[in-house]
Amino acid sequence: MPLFRFVFDEGAVLEDVTPIEFRDHKAAIVAAKKAARTTLIDVEEHDPTAWVVRVYNEPGELIRTVFVADLLKGTQ
């Protein structure tokens, strides 16, 4: 299975996740959206509307940017 990497951009902090195997890029994007929603549970004093999760494939190409603001609006 191919490897995908998520990079969480939460303002000034970039959190790079160890590559994870998914069956395809669609499964990786679904997992990235779920991970972004999960981070919202822990939000107390921060405004998450500018946060993004970038999904990279194994060669390092950006395949999707998940905007947390869109998740909050229900548009993704």
PDB file of N, CA and C in Angstrom:
ATOM      1  N   MET A   1       0.852  -1.188   0.000  1.00  0.00           N
ATOM      2  CA  MET A   1       0.000   0.000   0.000  1.00  0.00           C
ATOM      3  C   MET A   1       0.890   1.241   0.000  1.00  0.00           C
ATOM      4  N   PRO A   2       0.433   2.291  -0.678  1.00  0.00           N
ATOM      5  CA  PRO A   2       1.229   3.516  -0.725  1.00  0.00           C
ATOM      6  C   PRO A   2       1.227   4.256   0.617  1.00  0.00           C
ATOM      7  N   LEU A   3       2.285   5.021   0.828  1.00  0.00           N
ATOM      8  CA  LEU A   3       2.416   5.824   2.042  1.00  0.00           C
ATOM      9  C   LEU A   3       1.955   7.247   1.771  1.00  0.00           C
ATOM     10  N   PHE A   4       1.324   7.844   2.785  1.00  0.00           N
ATOM     11  CA  PHE A   4       0.895   9.238   2.725  1.00  0.00           C
ATOM     12  C   PHE A   4       1.323   9.924   4.016  1.00  0.00           C
ATOM     13  N   ARG A   5       1.597  11.215   3.921  1.00  0.00           N
ATOM     14  CA  ARG A   5       2.047  11.982   5.080  1.00  0.00           C
ATOM     15  C   ARG A   5       1.134  13.185   5.240  1.00  0.00           C
ATOM     16  N   PHE A   6       0.753  13.464   6.482  1.00  0.00           N
ATOM     17  CA  PHE A   6      -0.063  14.640   6.793  1.00  0.00           C
ATOM     18  C   PHE A   6       0.827  15.680   7.470  1.00  0.00           C
ATOM     19  N   VAL A   7       0.649  16.931   7.109  1.00  0.00           N
ATOM     20  CA  VAL A   7       1.316  18.034   7.796  1.00  0.00           C
ATOM     21  C   VAL A   7       0.214  18.948   8.311  1.00  0.00           C
ATOM     22  N   PHE A   8       0.154  19.085   9.625  1.00  0.00           N
ATOM     23  CA  PHE A   8      -0.843  19.930  10.274  1.00  0.00           C
ATOM     24  C   PHE A   8      -0.257  21.325  10.459  1.00  0.00           C
ATOM     25  N   ASP A   9      -0.884  22.330   9.879  1.00  0.00           N
ATOM     26  CA  ASP A   9      -0.461  23.719  10.030  1.00  0.00           C
ATOM     27  C   ASP A   9      -1.503  24.394  10.911  1.00  0.00           C
ATOM     28  N   GLU A  10      -1.131  24.541  12.175  1.00  0.00           N
ATOM     29  CA  GLU A  10      -2.038  25.133  13.165  1.00  0.00           C
ATOM     30  C   GLU A  10      -1.478  26.470  13.618  1.00  0.00           C
ATOM     31  N   GLY A  11      -1.442  27.412  12.700  1.00  0.00           N
ATOM     32  CA  GLY A  11      -0.876  28.711  13.017  1.00  0.00           C
ATOM     33  C   GLY A  11       0.637  28.661  12.883  1.00  0.00           C
ATOM     34  N   ALA A  12       1.339  28.905  13.976  1.00  0.00           N
ATOM     35  CA  ALA A  12       2.802  28.946  13.951  1.00  0.00           C
ATOM     36  C   ALA A  12       3.427  27.564  14.070  1.00  0.00           C
ATOM     37  N   VAL A  13       2.641  26.561  14.390  1.00  0.00           N
ATOM     38  CA  VAL A  13       3.186  25.230  14.640  1.00  0.00           C
ATOM     39  C   VAL A  13       2.887  24.312  13.462  1.00  0.00           C
ATOM     40  N   LEU A  14       3.929  23.717  12.910  1.00  0.00           N
ATOM     41  CA  LEU A  14       3.761  22.707  11.875  1.00  0.00           C
ATOM     42  C   LEU A  14       4.046  21.355  12.498  1.00  0.00           C
ATOM     43  N   GLU A  15       3.093  20.474  12.402  1.00  0.00           N
ATOM     44  CA  GLU A  15       3.261  19.133  12.957  1.00  0.00           C
ATOM     45  C   GLU A  15       3.256  18.148  11.793  1.00  0.00           C
ATOM     46  N   ASP A  16       4.366  17.469  11.624  1.00  0.00           N
ATOM     47  CA  ASP A  16       4.520  16.515  10.528  1.00  0.00           C
ATOM     48  C   ASP A  16       4.263  15.118  11.069  1.00  0.00           C
ATOM     49  N   VAL A  17       3.356  14.400  10.439  1.00  0.00           N
ATOM     50  CA  VAL A  17       2.999  13.066  10.896  1.00  0.00           C
ATOM     51  C   VAL A  17       3.811  12.028  10.125  1.00  0.00           C
ATOM     52  N   THR A  18       4.265  11.017  10.845  1.00  0.00           N
ATOM     53  CA  THR A  18       4.979   9.917  10.225  1.00  0.00           C
ATOM     54  C   THR A  18       4.133   9.333   9.100  1.00  0.00           C
ATOM     55  N   PRO A  19       4.749   8.999   7.975  1.00  0.00           N
ATOM     56  CA  PRO A  19       3.963   8.437   6.870  1.00  0.00           C
ATOM     57  C   PRO A  19       3.122   7.227   7.296  1.00  0.00           C
ATOM     58  N   ILE A  20       1.914   7.173   6.758  1.00  0.00           N
ATOM     59  CA  ILE A  20       0.959   6.123   7.087  1.00  0.00           C
ATOM     60  C   ILE A  20       0.495   5.473   5.786  1.00  0.00           C
ATOM     61  N   GLU A  21       0.297   4.180   5.820  1.00  0.00           N
ATOM     62  CA  GLU A  21      -0.197   3.475   4.634  1.00  0.00           C
ATOM     63  C   GLU A  21      -1.716   3.594   4.525  1.00  0.00           C
ATOM     64  N   PHE A  22      -2.174   3.874   3.309  1.00  0.00           N
ATOM     65  CA  PHE A  22      -3.597   3.865   2.974  1.00  0.00           C
ATOM     66  C   PHE A  22      -3.740   3.160   1.637  1.00  0.00           C
ATOM     67  N   ARG A  23      -4.914   2.623   1.368  1.00  0.00           N
ATOM     68  CA  ARG A  23      -5.099   1.870   0.122  1.00  0.00           C
ATOM     69  C   ARG A  23      -4.983   2.761  -1.111  1.00  0.00           C
ATOM     70  N   ASP A  24      -5.366   4.059  -0.964  1.00  0.00           N
ATOM     71  CA  ASP A  24      -5.252   5.003  -2.077  1.00  0.00           C
ATOM     72  C   ASP A  24      -5.354   6.424  -1.538  1.00  0.00           C
ATOM     73  N   HIS A  25      -5.247   7.397  -2.450  1.00  0.00           N
ATOM     74  CA  HIS A  25      -5.252   8.798  -2.010  1.00  0.00           C
ATOM     75  C   HIS A  25      -6.613   9.216  -1.454  1.00  0.00           C
ATOM     76  N   LYS A  26      -7.681   8.611  -1.921  1.00  0.00           N
ATOM     77  CA  LYS A  26      -9.009   8.968  -1.395  1.00  0.00           C
ATOM     78  C   LYS A  26      -9.131   8.575   0.074  1.00  0.00           C
ATOM     79  N   ALA A  27      -8.628   7.407   0.436  1.00  0.00           N
ATOM     80  CA  ALA A  27      -8.661   6.967   1.836  1.00  0.00           C
ATOM     81  C   ALA A  27      -7.787   7.870   2.701  1.00  0.00           C
ATOM     82  N   ALA A  28      -6.662   8.331   2.162  1.00  0.00           N
ATOM     83  CA  ALA A  28      -5.778   9.236   2.904  1.00  0.00           C
ATOM     84  C   ALA A  28      -6.469  10.574   3.156  1.00  0.00           C
ATOM     85  N   ILE A  29      -7.191  11.080   2.175  1.00  0.00           N
ATOM     86  CA  ILE A  29      -7.890  12.360   2.330  1.00  0.00           C
ATOM     87  C   ILE A  29      -9.011  12.244   3.359  1.00  0.00           C
ATOM     88  N   VAL A  30      -9.749  11.154   3.327  1.00  0.00           N
ATOM     89  CA  VAL A  30     -10.803  10.924   4.332  1.00  0.00           C
ATOM     90  C   VAL A  30     -10.187  10.897   5.728  1.00  0.00           C
ATOM     91  N   ALA A  31      -9.052  10.221   5.876  1.00  0.00           N
ATOM     92  CA  ALA A  31      -8.378  10.145   7.180  1.00  0.00           C
ATOM     93  C   ALA A  31      -7.870  11.517   7.612  1.00  0.00           C
ATOM     94  N   ALA A  32      -7.387  12.327   6.675  1.00  0.00           N
ATOM     95  CA  ALA A  32      -6.915  13.673   7.007  1.00  0.00           C
ATOM     96  C   ALA A  32      -8.055  14.544   7.517  1.00  0.00           C
ATOM     97  N   LYS A  33      -9.215  14.427   6.881  1.00  0.00           N
ATOM     98  CA  LYS A  33     -10.383  15.199   7.338  1.00  0.00           C
ATOM     99  C   LYS A  33     -10.806  14.758   8.734  1.00  0.00           C
ATOM    100  N   LYS A  34     -10.780  13.453   8.969  1.00  0.00           N
ATOM    101  CA  LYS A  34     -11.130  12.944  10.291  1.00  0.00           C
ATOM    102  C   LYS A  34     -10.134  13.434  11.341  1.00  0.00           C
ATOM    103  N   ALA A  35      -8.856  13.422  10.999  1.00  0.00           N
ATOM    104  CA  ALA A  35      -7.830  13.901  11.932  1.00  0.00           C
ATOM    105  C   ALA A  35      -8.008  15.390  12.220  1.00  0.00           C
ATOM    106  N   ALA A  36      -8.356  16.160  11.192  1.00  0.00           N
ATOM    107  CA  ALA A  36      -8.583  17.594  11.389  1.00  0.00           C
ATOM    108  C   ALA A  36      -9.767  17.828  12.315  1.00  0.00           C
ATOM    109  N   ARG A  37     -10.834  17.066  12.127  1.00  0.00           N
ATOM    110  CA  ARG A  37     -12.001  17.211  13.011  1.00  0.00           C
ATOM    111  C   ARG A  37     -11.644  16.832  14.454  1.00  0.00           C
ATOM    112  N   THR A  38     -10.824  15.806  14.604  1.00  0.00           N
ATOM    113  CA  THR A  38     -10.414  15.363  15.942  1.00  0.00           C
ATOM    114  C   THR A  38      -9.628  16.451  16.657  1.00  0.00           C
ATOM    115  N   THR A  39      -8.789  17.196  15.938  1.00  0.00           N
ATOM    116  CA  THR A  39      -8.019  18.266  16.582  1.00  0.00           C
ATOM    117  C   THR A  39      -8.930  19.366  17.104  1.00  0.00           C
ATOM    118  N   LEU A  40     -10.100  19.522  16.503  1.00  0.00           N
ATOM    119  CA  LEU A  40     -11.031  20.561  16.955  1.00  0.00           C
ATOM    120  C   LEU A  40     -11.589  20.261  18.341  1.00  0.00           C
ATOM    121  N   ILE A  41     -11.601  19.008  18.724  1.00  0.00           N
ATOM    122  CA  ILE A  41     -12.112  18.636  20.045  1.00  0.00           C
ATOM    123  C   ILE A  41     -11.264  19.251  21.138  1.00  0.00           C
ATOM    124  N   ASP A  42      -9.949  19.349  20.888  1.00  0.00           N
ATOM    125  CA  ASP A  42      -9.016  19.852  21.893  1.00  0.00           C
ATOM    126  C   ASP A  42      -8.833  21.365  21.856  1.00  0.00           C
ATOM    127  N   VAL A  43      -9.542  22.057  20.985  1.00  0.00           N
ATOM    128  CA  VAL A  43      -9.382  23.503  20.845  1.00  0.00           C
ATOM    129  C   VAL A  43     -10.129  24.208  21.967  1.00  0.00           C
ATOM    130  N   GLU A  44      -9.392  25.060  22.677  1.00  0.00           N
ATOM    131  CA  GLU A  44     -10.029  25.842  23.737  1.00  0.00           C
ATOM    132  C   GLU A  44      -9.803  27.330  23.525  1.00  0.00           C
ATOM    133  N   GLU A  45      -8.551  27.720  23.447  1.00  0.00           N
ATOM    134  CA  GLU A  45      -8.229  29.143  23.384  1.00  0.00           C
ATOM    135  C   GLU A  45      -7.784  29.592  22.002  1.00  0.00           C
ATOM    136  N   HIS A  46      -7.820  28.727  21.024  1.00  0.00           N
ATOM    137  CA  HIS A  46      -7.300  29.050  19.703  1.00  0.00           C
ATOM    138  C   HIS A  46      -8.425  29.147  18.683  1.00  0.00           C
ATOM    139  N   ASP A  47      -8.180  29.941  17.660  1.00  0.00           N
ATOM    140  CA  ASP A  47      -9.118  30.055  16.546  1.00  0.00           C
ATOM    141  C   ASP A  47      -8.631  29.128  15.441  1.00  0.00           C
ATOM    142  N   PRO A  48      -9.309  28.023  15.218  1.00  0.00           N
ATOM    143  CA  PRO A  48      -8.825  27.034  14.244  1.00  0.00           C
ATOM    144  C   PRO A  48      -9.194  27.329  12.795  1.00  0.00           C
ATOM    145  N   THR A  49      -9.835  28.447  12.515  1.00  0.00           N
ATOM    146  CA  THR A  49     -10.344  28.675  11.164  1.00  0.00           C
ATOM    147  C   THR A  49      -9.239  28.827  10.116  1.00  0.00           C
ATOM    148  N   ALA A  50      -8.023  29.154  10.517  1.00  0.00           N
ATOM    149  CA  ALA A  50      -6.921  29.281   9.559  1.00  0.00           C
ATOM    150  C   ALA A  50      -6.083  28.003   9.452  1.00  0.00           C
ATOM    151  N   TRP A  51      -6.407  27.000  10.224  1.00  0.00           N
ATOM    152  CA  TRP A  51      -5.630  25.761  10.220  1.00  0.00           C
ATOM    153  C   TRP A  51      -5.874  24.965   8.947  1.00  0.00           C
ATOM    154  N   VAL A  52      -4.854  24.241   8.518  1.00  0.00           N
ATOM    155  CA  VAL A  52      -4.973  23.355   7.364  1.00  0.00           C
ATOM    156  C   VAL A  52      -4.229  22.052   7.638  1.00  0.00           C
ATOM    157  N   VAL A  53      -4.618  21.030   6.921  1.00  0.00           N
ATOM    158  CA  VAL A  53      -3.898  19.762   6.920  1.00  0.00           C
ATOM    159  C   VAL A  53      -3.524  19.501   5.474  1.00  0.00           C
ATOM    160  N   ARG A  54      -2.225  19.365   5.223  1.00  0.00           N
ATOM    161  CA  ARG A  54      -1.751  19.069   3.872  1.00  0.00           C
ATOM    162  C   ARG A  54      -1.467  17.582   3.765  1.00  0.00           C
ATOM    163  N   VAL A  55      -1.904  16.977   2.675  1.00  0.00           N
ATOM    164  CA  VAL A  55      -1.723  15.541   2.456  1.00  0.00           C
ATOM    165  C   VAL A  55      -0.724  15.377   1.306  1.00  0.00           C
ATOM    166  N   TYR A  56       0.358  14.641   1.583  1.00  0.00           N
ATOM    167  CA  TYR A  56       1.399  14.389   0.593  1.00  0.00           C
ATOM    168  C   TYR A  56       1.456  12.903   0.271  1.00  0.00           C
ATOM    169  N   ASN A  57       1.717  12.585  -0.989  1.00  0.00           N
ATOM    170  CA  ASN A  57       1.875  11.187  -1.362  1.00  0.00           C
ATOM    171  C   ASN A  57       3.315  10.742  -1.109  1.00  0.00           C
ATOM    172  N   GLU A  58       3.617   9.496  -1.427  1.00  0.00           N
ATOM    173  CA  GLU A  58       4.929   8.925  -1.132  1.00  0.00           C
ATOM    174  C   GLU A  58       6.090   9.679  -1.791  1.00  0.00           C
ATOM    175  N   PRO A  59       5.937  10.136  -3.046  1.00  0.00           N
ATOM    176  CA  PRO A  59       7.029  10.909  -3.652  1.00  0.00           C
ATOM    177  C   PRO A  59       7.161  12.329  -3.084  1.00  0.00           C
ATOM    178  N   GLY A  60       6.228  12.736  -2.215  1.00  0.00           N
ATOM    179  CA  GLY A  60       6.292  14.060  -1.609  1.00  0.00           C
ATOM    180  C   GLY A  60       5.480  15.121  -2.306  1.00  0.00           C
ATOM    181  N   GLU A  61       4.604  14.723  -3.223  1.00  0.00           N
ATOM    182  CA  GLU A  61       3.755  15.681  -3.925  1.00  0.00           C
ATOM    183  C   GLU A  61       2.521  16.001  -3.087  1.00  0.00           C
ATOM    184  N   LEU A  62       2.180  17.271  -3.022  1.00  0.00           N
ATOM    185  CA  LEU A  62       0.965  17.691  -2.321  1.00  0.00           C
ATOM    186  C   LEU A  62      -0.238  17.234  -3.130  1.00  0.00           C
ATOM    187  N   ILE A  63      -1.108  16.431  -2.506  1.00  0.00           N
ATOM    188  CA  ILE A  63      -2.285  15.951  -3.243  1.00  0.00           C
ATOM    189  C   ILE A  63      -3.577  16.609  -2.772  1.00  0.00           C
ATOM    190  N   ARG A  64      -3.588  17.183  -1.591  1.00  0.00           N
ATOM    191  CA  ARG A  64      -4.804  17.859  -1.110  1.00  0.00           C
ATOM    192  C   ARG A  64      -4.445  18.735   0.083  1.00  0.00           C
ATOM    193  N   THR A  65      -5.108  19.868   0.174  1.00  0.00           N
ATOM    194  CA  THR A  65      -5.063  20.702   1.362  1.00  0.00           C
ATOM    195  C   THR A  65      -6.465  20.710   1.943  1.00  0.00           C
ATOM    196  N   VAL A  66      -6.580  20.276   3.178  1.00  0.00           N
ATOM    197  CA  VAL A  66      -7.866  20.250   3.879  1.00  0.00           C
ATOM    198  C   VAL A  66      -7.929  21.508   4.741  1.00  0.00           C
ATOM    199  N   PHE A  67      -8.885  22.372   4.462  1.00  0.00           N
ATOM    200  CA  PHE A  67      -9.053  23.605   5.227  1.00  0.00           C
ATOM    201  C   PHE A  67     -10.031  23.359   6.368  1.00  0.00           C
ATOM    202  N   VAL A  68      -9.574  23.571   7.587  1.00  0.00           N
ATOM    203  CA  VAL A  68     -10.417  23.339   8.753  1.00  0.00           C
ATOM    204  C   VAL A  68     -11.639  24.254   8.714  1.00  0.00           C
ATOM    205  N   ALA A  69     -11.488  25.458   8.214  1.00  0.00           N
ATOM    206  CA  ALA A  69     -12.624  26.385   8.108  1.00  0.00           C
ATOM    207  C   ALA A  69     -13.742  25.761   7.266  1.00  0.00           C
ATOM    208  N   ASP A  70     -13.360  25.066   6.184  1.00  0.00           N
ATOM    209  CA  ASP A  70     -14.370  24.416   5.347  1.00  0.00           C
ATOM    210  C   ASP A  70     -15.057  23.270   6.097  1.00  0.00           C
ATOM    211  N   LEU A  71     -14.295  22.557   6.917  1.00  0.00           N
ATOM    212  CA  LEU A  71     -14.893  21.494   7.714  1.00  0.00           C
ATOM    213  C   LEU A  71     -15.900  22.074   8.714  1.00  0.00           C
ATOM    214  N   LEU A  72     -15.553  23.220   9.286  1.00  0.00           N
ATOM    215  CA  LEU A  72     -16.467  23.863  10.245  1.00  0.00           C
ATOM    216  C   LEU A  72     -17.742  24.324   9.558  1.00  0.00           C
ATOM    217  N   LYS A  73     -17.616  24.743   8.292  1.00  0.00           N
ATOM    218  CA  LYS A  73     -18.788  25.183   7.534  1.00  0.00           C
ATOM    219  C   LYS A  73     -19.535  24.023   6.911  1.00  0.00           C
ATOM    220  N   GLY A  74     -18.907  22.839   6.919  1.00  0.00           N
ATOM    221  CA  GLY A  74     -19.544  21.671   6.334  1.00  0.00           C
ATOM    222  C   GLY A  74     -19.433  21.629   4.829  1.00  0.00           C
ATOM    223  N   THR A  75     -18.437  22.319   4.251  1.00  0.00           N
ATOM    224  CA  THR A  75     -18.310  22.340   2.792  1.00  0.00           C
ATOM    225  C   THR A  75     -17.341  21.308   2.253  1.00  0.00           C
ATOM    226  N   GLN A  76     -16.672  20.548   3.115  1.00  0.00           N
ATOM    227  CA  GLN A  76     -15.761  19.495   2.646  1.00  0.00           C
ATOM    228  C   GLN A  76     -16.221  18.166   3.139  1.00  0.00           C
TER     229      GLN A  76
END
